[in-house]
Amino acid sequence: MYDNANHSTERVIRGDAADGPDSDTKGKSSQPINGYAVQPTLLEKIREAQSGDLKLQEFREQVEAGLRSDMQIHADGTLRFGNRICVPKGGSARSISSSL
């Protein structure tokens, strides 16, 4: 499946529509389905990387407190500057997104 929102070309197979961000399967590995491994999307990887970045966490807290109007928390849970997703420096999320 190609998702314009995260520019991911990974094939993602979802077993159940109820398996969303609040699902108890989050972060767990799963068995291959029809020969394809279920992998996190680029947005999920970025959201996880954002949670480990102290500066982005500071920005997130400022947004939640109403102290920043230039940033927002998108419906998918990612921190954004305008319409751009904030990707932490270093790490695999940045290397994946820069190769697209």
Protein backbone atom coordinates (compact mmCIF):
# COMPACT_ATOMS: atom_id res chain seq x y z
CA MET A 1 0.00 0.00 0.00
CA TYR A 2 1.36 3.45 -0.86
CA ASP A 3 0.49 6.14 1.64
CA ASN A 4 0.98 9.73 0.47
CA ALA A 5 0.90 10.97 4.06
CA ASN A 6 4.15 9.27 4.96
CA HIS A 7 5.65 8.63 1.51
CA SER A 8 6.26 5.02 2.49
CA THR A 9 6.64 2.45 -0.22
CA GLU A 10 6.62 -0.41 2.27
CA ARG A 11 3.84 -2.89 1.80
CA VAL A 12 1.79 -2.88 4.94
CA ILE A 13 -0.88 -5.45 5.62
CA ARG A 14 -3.27 -4.76 8.44
CA GLY A 15 -5.12 -7.71 9.86
CA ASP A 16 -7.92 -5.75 11.48
CA ALA A 17 -9.13 -2.17 11.18
CA ALA A 18 -9.32 -2.03 14.98
CA ASP A 19 -5.52 -2.39 15.19
CA GLY A 20 -4.85 1.33 15.51
CA PRO A 21 -2.43 3.39 17.58
CA ASP A 22 -4.20 2.41 20.81
CA SER A 23 -4.19 -1.29 20.01
CA ASP A 24 -2.51 -3.71 22.39
CA THR A 25 -0.52 -5.07 19.43
CA LYS A 26 1.53 -1.86 19.12
CA GLY A 27 5.24 -2.55 19.24
CA LYS A 28 4.82 -6.33 19.08
CA SER A 29 6.24 -8.38 16.27
CA SER A 30 3.79 -10.49 14.34
CA GLN A 31 3.84 -13.54 12.14
CA PRO A 32 4.16 -13.03 8.38
CA ILE A 33 0.86 -12.82 6.52
CA ASN A 34 0.87 -14.43 3.08
CA GLY A 35 4.65 -14.09 2.98
CA TYR A 36 4.70 -10.40 3.95
CA ALA A 37 5.96 -9.17 7.30
CA VAL A 38 3.88 -6.49 8.98
CA GLN A 39 6.16 -3.52 9.63
CA PRO A 40 5.59 -0.12 11.17
CA THR A 41 4.95 2.72 8.73
CA LEU A 42 7.33 5.62 8.38
CA LEU A 43 4.97 7.83 10.41
CA GLU A 44 4.96 5.29 13.24
CA LYS A 45 8.77 5.21 13.20
CA ILE A 46 8.96 9.01 13.24
CA ARG A 47 6.40 9.28 16.05
CA GLU A 48 8.44 6.80 18.10
CA ALA A 49 11.66 8.70 17.36
CA GLN A 50 9.98 11.98 18.37
CA SER A 51 9.12 10.50 21.75
CA GLY A 52 12.81 9.82 22.39
CA ASP A 53 14.03 13.30 21.42
CA LEU A 54 14.25 15.70 24.38
CA LYS A 55 14.00 18.90 22.30
CA LEU A 56 10.94 17.68 20.41
CA GLN A 57 9.36 16.59 23.69
CA GLU A 58 9.93 20.13 25.00
CA PHE A 59 8.25 21.53 21.87
CA ARG A 60 5.36 19.06 22.27
CA GLU A 61 4.81 20.21 25.87
CA GLN A 62 4.84 23.84 24.72
CA VAL A 63 2.23 23.07 22.05
CA GLU A 64 0.05 21.24 24.59
CA ALA A 65 0.33 24.22 26.97
CA GLY A 66 -0.67 26.62 24.19
CA LEU A 67 2.74 28.34 24.19
CA ARG A 68 3.57 27.64 20.54
CA SER A 69 1.33 28.49 17.62
CA ASP A 70 3.87 27.61 14.91
CA MET A 71 3.75 23.91 15.78
CA GLN A 72 0.91 21.44 16.17
CA ILE A 73 0.22 17.87 17.15
CA HIS A 74 -1.37 16.23 14.13
CA ALA A 75 -4.26 13.76 14.38
CA ASP A 76 -1.75 10.94 13.72
CA GLY A 77 0.19 11.95 16.85
CA THR A 78 3.21 13.44 15.10
CA LEU A 79 4.61 16.84 16.02
CA ARG A 80 4.59 19.18 13.04
CA PHE A 81 5.99 22.59 12.18
CA GLY A 82 3.30 24.00 9.92
CA ASN A 83 2.56 21.10 7.58
CA ARG A 84 6.05 19.58 7.94
CA ILE A 85 6.74 16.57 10.16
CA CYS A 86 9.49 17.14 12.73
CA VAL A 87 12.07 14.37 12.30
CA PRO A 88 14.73 14.10 15.03
CA LYS A 89 18.36 14.54 14.02
CA GLY A 90 20.22 11.27 13.61
CA GLY A 91 18.62 7.87 13.94
CA SER A 92 16.94 5.58 11.46
CA ALA A 93 13.81 7.70 10.90
CA ARG A 94 15.85 10.54 9.43
CA SER A 95 17.93 8.25 7.21
CA ILE A 96 14.80 6.55 5.89
CA SER A 97 12.95 9.82 5.23
CA SER A 98 15.96 11.46 3.54
CA SER A 99 16.25 8.57 1.10
CA LEU A 100 12.71 9.11 -0.25
